[in-house]
Protein backbone atom coordinates (compact mmCIF):
# COMPACT_ATOMS: atom_id res chain seq x y z
CA MET A 1 0.00 0.00 0.00
CA GLY A 2 1.13 3.55 -0.63
CA GLU A 3 2.32 6.10 1.87
CA ARG A 4 -0.45 8.60 2.64
CA LEU A 5 0.22 12.31 3.09
CA ALA A 6 -1.74 15.05 4.81
CA ARG A 7 -5.14 16.07 3.46
CA ASP A 8 -6.24 19.43 2.13
CA SER A 9 -9.77 20.73 1.56
CA ILE A 10 -9.77 22.79 -1.63
CA PRO A 11 -12.11 23.96 -4.41
CA LEU A 12 -11.49 22.42 -7.81
CA LYS A 13 -11.68 23.70 -11.38
CA LEU A 14 -12.12 21.82 -14.65
CA ASP A 15 -8.92 21.46 -16.66
CA ARG A 16 -10.28 22.01 -20.16
CA THR A 17 -6.90 21.09 -21.65
CA SER A 18 -7.20 17.56 -20.28
CA PRO A 19 -7.36 14.80 -22.90
CA PHE A 20 -10.67 13.74 -21.41
CA ALA A 21 -12.18 17.19 -20.89
CA ARG A 22 -14.96 16.31 -23.33
CA ASP A 23 -16.25 13.54 -21.06
CA THR A 24 -15.97 15.75 -17.99
CA ILE A 25 -17.89 18.55 -19.70
CA ALA A 26 -20.56 15.95 -20.54
CA LEU A 27 -20.94 15.33 -16.81
CA ARG A 28 -21.48 19.05 -16.25
CA ARG A 29 -24.18 19.07 -18.92
CA ILE A 30 -25.93 16.29 -17.01
CA ALA A 31 -25.67 18.36 -13.82
CA SER A 32 -27.01 21.55 -15.38
CA ASN A 33 -29.63 19.72 -17.49
CA GLY A 34 -28.93 22.02 -20.41
CA THR A 35 -30.50 21.41 -23.80
CA ILE A 36 -29.55 22.57 -27.26
CA GLY A 37 -31.99 22.60 -30.14
CA VAL A 38 -34.59 24.44 -32.18
CA PRO A 39 -37.42 26.14 -30.22
CA SER A 40 -40.59 24.10 -30.36
CA ARG A 41 -44.05 24.15 -28.79
CA MET A 42 -43.68 20.49 -27.93
CA ALA A 43 -42.00 19.54 -24.66
CA PRO A 44 -38.60 17.96 -25.37
CA ASN A 45 -37.94 14.40 -24.29
CA PRO A 46 -35.63 14.26 -21.25
CA PRO A 47 -32.08 13.59 -22.45
CA SER A 48 -30.72 10.13 -21.72
CA PRO A 49 -27.45 10.15 -19.78
CA PRO A 50 -24.42 8.91 -21.72
CA VAL A 51 -23.37 5.37 -20.81
CA LEU A 52 -19.81 5.84 -19.55
CA PHE A 53 -19.36 2.80 -17.32
CA ASP A 54 -19.69 -0.97 -17.68
CA ARG A 55 -21.31 -1.72 -14.32
CA ALA A 56 -21.40 -5.48 -14.92
CA LEU A 57 -17.63 -5.39 -15.36
CA LEU A 58 -17.37 -3.28 -12.17
CA ARG A 59 -18.94 -6.10 -10.18
CA VAL A 60 -16.53 -8.59 -11.70
CA ARG A 61 -13.59 -6.34 -10.82
CA GLN A 62 -14.83 -5.82 -7.27
CA GLY A 63 -15.26 -9.58 -6.82
CA ARG A 64 -11.73 -10.16 -8.08
CA ALA A 65 -10.44 -7.48 -5.69
CA ALA A 66 -12.07 -9.26 -2.75
CA LYS A 67 -10.18 -12.44 -3.64
CA MET A 68 -6.88 -10.53 -4.00
CA GLY A 69 -7.33 -8.77 -0.66
CA VAL A 70 -8.99 -5.37 -0.81
CA ALA A 71 -6.95 -2.16 -0.38
CA PRO A 72 -9.42 -0.34 1.93
CA PHE A 73 -7.47 2.73 3.02
CA LEU A 74 -9.60 5.26 1.12
CA LEU A 75 -12.86 3.66 2.25
CA GLU A 76 -11.64 3.52 5.85
CA ARG A 77 -10.80 7.22 5.68
CA VAL A 78 -14.26 7.98 4.30
CA ALA A 79 -15.95 5.91 7.02
CA GLU A 80 -14.02 7.72 9.76
CA ASP A 81 -14.78 11.15 8.28
CA MET A 82 -18.44 10.25 7.79
CA ALA A 83 -18.81 9.34 11.47
CA GLU A 84 -17.29 12.68 12.46
CA ARG A 85 -19.48 14.66 10.07
CA LEU A 86 -22.65 12.88 11.18
CA GLN A 87 -21.78 13.47 14.83
CA ALA A 88 -21.89 17.21 14.14
CA VAL A 89 -25.53 16.89 13.02
CA LEU A 90 -27.73 17.34 16.09
CA ARG A 91 -30.28 14.73 15.10
CA THR A 92 -31.22 11.18 16.05
CA PHE A 93 -31.44 8.81 13.09
CA GLN A 94 -33.58 5.69 13.42
CA HIS A 95 -33.86 4.27 9.88
CA GLY A 96 -31.07 4.68 7.36
CA VAL A 97 -29.73 3.16 4.15
CA ASP A 98 -26.17 2.74 2.86
CA VAL A 99 -26.36 3.08 -0.93
CA GLY A 100 -23.77 1.18 -2.95
CA THR A 101 -20.78 1.37 -0.58
CA PRO A 102 -18.38 -1.43 -1.64
CA GLY A 103 -17.77 -2.80 1.86
CA ASP A 104 -19.11 -2.60 5.40
CA GLN A 105 -16.70 0.09 6.69
CA VAL A 106 -19.31 2.87 6.65
CA ARG A 107 -21.98 0.80 8.37
CA GLY A 108 -19.46 -0.26 11.02
CA ALA A 109 -18.37 3.32 11.68
CA LEU A 110 -21.97 4.55 12.04
CA ALA A 111 -23.30 1.64 14.10
CA ALA A 112 -23.41 3.71 17.30
CA GLN A 113 -25.11 6.69 15.61
CA VAL A 114 -27.88 5.07 13.57
CA ALA A 115 -30.32 2.59 15.06
CA GLU A 116 -30.85 0.73 11.77
CA LEU A 117 -28.62 1.13 8.71
CA SER A 118 -29.36 -1.29 5.88
CA PRO A 119 -27.31 -1.81 2.69
CA ALA A 120 -28.83 -1.13 -0.73
CA ASP A 121 -26.97 -2.12 -3.89
CA LEU A 122 -26.80 0.09 -6.94
CA PRO A 123 -28.32 -2.01 -9.75
CA ALA A 124 -26.10 -3.12 -12.62
CA ASP A 125 -28.85 -1.96 -14.99
CA GLU A 126 -29.48 1.68 -14.14
CA SER A 127 -32.96 1.52 -15.65
CA GLU A 128 -33.92 -0.44 -12.53
CA ALA A 129 -35.02 1.46 -9.42
CA LEU A 130 -33.21 1.31 -6.09
CA GLY A 131 -36.29 -0.20 -4.47
CA LEU A 132 -36.55 2.34 -1.64
CA ALA A 133 -40.03 3.11 -0.28
CA PRO A 134 -41.08 6.76 -0.46
CA GLU A 135 -40.54 8.83 2.71
CA SER A 136 -39.32 5.81 4.66
CA LEU A 137 -35.83 6.90 5.78
CA ASP A 138 -34.27 9.43 8.16
CA LEU A 139 -30.81 9.08 6.65
CA ALA A 140 -29.07 7.98 3.45
CA VAL A 141 -25.29 7.56 3.20
CA SER A 142 -22.91 6.36 0.50
CA GLY A 143 -19.15 5.87 0.39
CA LEU A 144 -17.14 5.80 -2.84
CA ALA A 145 -19.88 4.45 -5.09
CA PHE A 146 -21.37 7.36 -7.03
CA GLN A 147 -18.29 7.88 -9.25
CA PHE A 148 -19.29 4.82 -11.32
CA VAL A 149 -22.95 5.85 -11.84
CA ASP A 150 -24.06 7.12 -15.25
CA ASP A 151 -27.39 8.61 -14.15
CA LEU A 152 -26.35 10.19 -10.85
CA PRO A 153 -29.15 12.81 -10.98
CA GLY A 154 -31.65 9.95 -11.20
CA VAL A 155 -30.10 8.08 -8.27
CA LEU A 156 -30.03 11.23 -6.12
CA ALA A 157 -33.67 11.95 -6.98
CA GLN A 158 -34.66 8.43 -5.90
CA ILE A 159 -32.80 8.88 -2.61
CA ARG A 160 -34.46 12.25 -2.00
CA ARG A 161 -37.91 10.73 -2.55
CA ALA A 162 -37.06 7.89 -0.12
CA LEU A 163 -36.15 10.33 2.64
CA LYS A 164 -38.78 11.60 5.04
CA PRO A 165 -39.23 15.38 5.10
CA ASP A 166 -36.11 16.80 6.77
CA GLY A 167 -34.23 13.55 6.14
CA PHE A 168 -30.48 13.81 5.55
CA LEU A 169 -28.12 12.64 2.78
CA LEU A 170 -24.37 12.35 3.39
CA ALA A 171 -22.21 10.86 0.65
CA ALA A 172 -18.59 10.76 -0.50
CA THR A 173 -17.50 10.07 -4.06
CA VAL A 174 -14.23 10.09 -5.94
CA GLY A 175 -13.97 13.22 -8.07
CA GLY A 176 -12.00 16.27 -9.10
CA GLU A 177 -8.37 15.69 -10.02
CA THR A 178 -8.27 12.06 -8.87
CA LEU A 179 -5.46 10.14 -10.62
CA THR A 180 -4.58 13.18 -12.73
CA GLU A 181 -0.94 12.06 -12.75
CA LEU A 182 -1.80 8.64 -14.18
CA ARG A 183 -4.13 10.22 -16.75
CA GLN A 184 -1.42 12.61 -17.96
CA ALA A 185 1.30 9.97 -18.09
CA PHE A 186 -0.84 7.55 -20.13
CA ALA A 187 -1.91 10.32 -22.52
CA ALA A 188 1.68 11.41 -23.12
CA ALA A 189 2.96 7.86 -23.67
CA GLU A 190 0.17 6.86 -26.05
CA SER A 191 0.46 10.09 -28.04
CA GLU A 192 4.19 9.57 -28.42
CA LEU A 193 4.20 5.86 -29.31
CA GLU A 194 0.78 5.14 -30.78
CA GLY A 195 -0.25 8.45 -32.34
CA GLY A 196 -3.40 8.84 -30.25
CA ILE A 197 -4.94 8.30 -26.83
CA SER A 198 -7.62 6.03 -25.40
CA PRO A 199 -9.73 6.46 -22.23
CA ARG A 200 -7.70 5.05 -19.32
CA VAL A 201 -8.98 7.09 -16.34
CA ALA A 202 -12.66 7.94 -15.93
CA PRO A 203 -13.88 11.55 -16.00
CA PHE A 204 -14.84 12.75 -12.54
CA ALA A 205 -17.28 15.41 -11.34
CA ASP A 206 -15.87 18.27 -9.29
CA VAL A 207 -17.33 20.12 -6.31
CA ARG A 208 -19.40 22.52 -8.45
CA ASP A 209 -20.89 19.62 -10.42
CA ALA A 210 -21.84 17.92 -7.14
CA GLY A 211 -23.66 21.00 -5.86
CA ALA A 212 -25.60 21.34 -9.10
CA LEU A 213 -26.58 17.66 -8.97
CA LEU A 214 -27.95 18.01 -5.43
CA GLN A 215 -30.03 21.04 -6.42
CA ARG A 216 -31.32 19.32 -9.54
CA ALA A 217 -32.41 16.31 -7.45
CA GLY A 218 -34.44 18.59 -5.18
CA PHE A 219 -32.29 18.66 -2.04
CA ALA A 220 -32.49 21.66 0.23
CA LEU A 221 -29.48 23.34 1.88
CA PRO A 222 -26.91 21.49 -0.28
CA VAL A 223 -23.27 21.55 0.84
CA THR A 224 -20.21 20.18 -0.98
CA ASP A 225 -16.50 20.17 -0.20
CA VAL A 226 -13.35 18.30 -1.20
CA ASP A 227 -10.83 16.28 0.79
CA ARG A 228 -7.59 15.85 -1.18
CA VAL A 229 -5.50 12.79 -0.32
CA VAL A 230 -1.99 12.40 -1.75
CA VAL A 231 -0.58 8.88 -1.60
CA ARG A 232 3.04 8.03 -2.38
CA TYR A 233 4.19 4.80 -4.04
CA ARG A 234 7.55 3.30 -4.93
CA ASP A 235 6.48 3.23 -8.61
CA VAL A 236 3.43 3.37 -10.86
CA PHE A 237 3.09 -0.42 -10.86
CA ALA A 238 2.47 -0.39 -7.09
CA LEU A 239 -0.23 2.23 -7.67
CA MET A 240 -1.90 0.15 -10.39
CA HIS A 241 -1.80 -2.90 -8.10
CA ASP A 242 -3.66 -0.91 -5.42
CA LEU A 243 -6.24 0.22 -7.98
CA ARG A 244 -6.91 -3.42 -8.90
CA ARG A 245 -7.28 -4.25 -5.20
CA MET A 246 -9.87 -1.45 -4.95
CA GLY A 247 -11.80 -2.87 -7.90
CA ALA A 248 -11.11 0.48 -9.58
CA ALA A 249 -9.41 -0.59 -12.81
CA ASN A 250 -10.75 0.81 -16.08
CA ILE A 251 -14.46 0.03 -16.63
CA MET A 252 -15.24 2.71 -19.20
CA THR A 253 -17.39 1.52 -22.09
CA GLU A 254 -15.09 3.28 -24.57
CA ARG A 255 -11.95 1.62 -23.21
CA ARG A 256 -9.59 -0.02 -25.66
CA ARG A 257 -10.27 -3.78 -25.80
CA THR A 258 -6.81 -4.79 -27.06
CA PRO A 259 -4.00 -5.44 -24.55
CA LEU A 260 -1.80 -2.52 -23.60
CA ARG A 261 1.52 -2.64 -25.43
CA ARG A 262 4.52 -3.30 -23.21
CA ALA A 263 6.48 -0.41 -24.74
CA THR A 264 3.62 2.00 -24.00
CA LEU A 265 3.33 0.78 -20.41
CA LEU A 266 7.06 1.19 -19.77
CA ARG A 267 7.12 4.63 -21.37
CA MET A 268 4.11 5.67 -19.26
CA ALA A 269 5.96 4.57 -16.11
CA GLN A 270 9.01 6.56 -17.16
CA ILE A 271 6.97 9.72 -17.85
CA TYR A 272 5.10 9.34 -14.55
CA HIS A 273 8.41 9.19 -12.65
CA GLU A 274 9.89 12.13 -14.56
CA ARG A 275 6.92 14.40 -13.86
CA PHE A 276 5.55 13.28 -10.51
CA ALA A 277 8.38 11.81 -8.42
CA ASP A 278 9.65 13.38 -5.19
CA PRO A 279 13.38 13.78 -4.43
CA ASP A 280 13.36 10.35 -2.73
CA ASP A 281 12.14 8.78 -6.03
CA ARG A 282 8.69 7.89 -4.70
CA ILE A 283 5.81 8.96 -6.94
CA ARG A 284 2.65 10.85 -5.95
CA ALA A 285 -0.96 9.89 -6.69
CA THR A 286 -3.85 12.28 -6.05
CA PHE A 287 -7.27 11.18 -4.79
CA ASP A 288 -9.96 13.86 -4.39
CA ILE A 289 -12.91 12.82 -2.24
CA VAL A 290 -15.93 15.00 -2.97
CA TRP A 291 -18.43 15.22 -0.10
CA LEU A 292 -22.13 15.87 -0.70
CA SER A 293 -24.84 16.61 1.84
CA GLY A 294 -28.39 17.86 1.62
CA TRP A 295 -31.81 17.65 3.24
CA ALA A 296 -35.18 16.52 1.98
CA PRO A 297 -37.26 19.72 1.94
CA HIS A 298 -39.30 20.58 5.05
CA GLU A 299 -41.23 23.69 6.05
CA SER A 300 -39.09 24.16 9.17
CA GLN A 301 -35.88 24.69 7.16
CA GLN A 302 -34.40 28.13 6.62
CA LYS A 303 -35.32 29.73 3.30
CA PRO A 304 -34.00 32.86 1.58
CA LEU A 305 -36.29 35.87 1.55
CA LYS A 306 -38.12 36.59 -1.69
CA PRO A 307 -36.96 39.67 -3.59
CA GLY A 308 -38.55 42.85 -2.23
CA LEU A 309 -39.20 41.54 1.30
CA ALA A 310 -36.12 43.05 2.93
CA LYS A 311 -36.90 45.56 5.68
CA ALA A 312 -33.78 47.67 5.19
CA SER A 313 -32.15 49.17 2.12
CA LEU A 314 -28.52 48.35 1.46
CA GLU A 315 -28.15 51.76 -0.22
CA ASP A 316 -29.44 53.52 2.93
CA ALA A 317 -27.15 51.49 5.14
CA VAL A 318 -24.09 52.43 3.08
CA ARG A 319 -25.13 56.09 3.02
CA ASN A 320 -25.67 56.23 6.77
CA SER A 321 -22.39 54.46 7.39
CA SER A 322 -20.49 57.06 5.35
CA LYS A 323 -22.17 59.89 7.25
CA GLU A 324 -21.13 58.45 10.62
CA LYS A 325 -17.42 58.25 9.74
CA PRO A 326 -15.45 60.67 11.93
CA GLY A 327 -13.50 63.33 10.05
CA ARG A 328 -9.77 63.92 10.34
CA GLU A 329 -8.61 66.31 13.05
């Protein structure tokens, strides 16, 4: 396993120069629900989300990882952080659901805080519903599962409908600049030796995408933030071994189906070391954990005032403030 460094909480921006910026921008279009077309009196059909991930293959990879011995350090970190975050919420949760978390770390960490926390798998076929009864839950949590969902707005909407009014969602997903070093090294090696690039690392949503998705799904008081984790490895092959043990190897539908050429792999490793090695020759790998939280709407929640209902004028306040400033002696 790699050597973990200190975390940072930071806002992220989309790198439009990335080889896979097109896929990432597609995620933002899902979040914003934008449409392009000719004006018409007929209501447009809702756009179908692009199929980015082979979820059947994901289950195969996760099963293989369990036999190899899972590398759980990211999930353990998420479980520990989730327990701390939930402890700060001054509520008692009786009935909760853990949506799609690939392991029992989250349920174990929250056992003392939630009376009943049941697992719910994300279906391999996303046209199938989660099977959650409407307004039946106080709490929904998820750890490191949403990054492999094509229709995340649909999943979030189902969770919101399953929450009772004033029910709480707390989730963590891989996002942002996760594995940016590996993405760049593969792109450079393939461009140099093969004259083109193929999808090797999935596109990830950033913190702004996550906030837009929560709002689109109907959550109130949405909050998002990012926990950056930098892990150090002796070489890129140790990193790739950990990714296999996480069940996180490439499951993109547009992935290349032919075996990776040995020359390309070795050149990628060389480029990775040249660009992202520390003075002690260990390489860095970035993992950004995007946190999402929101509440099912309830009349007791704070709401912004409607325009025109303010009782004081900002212009008057500024004018009065300038009048009260003492003059120079």
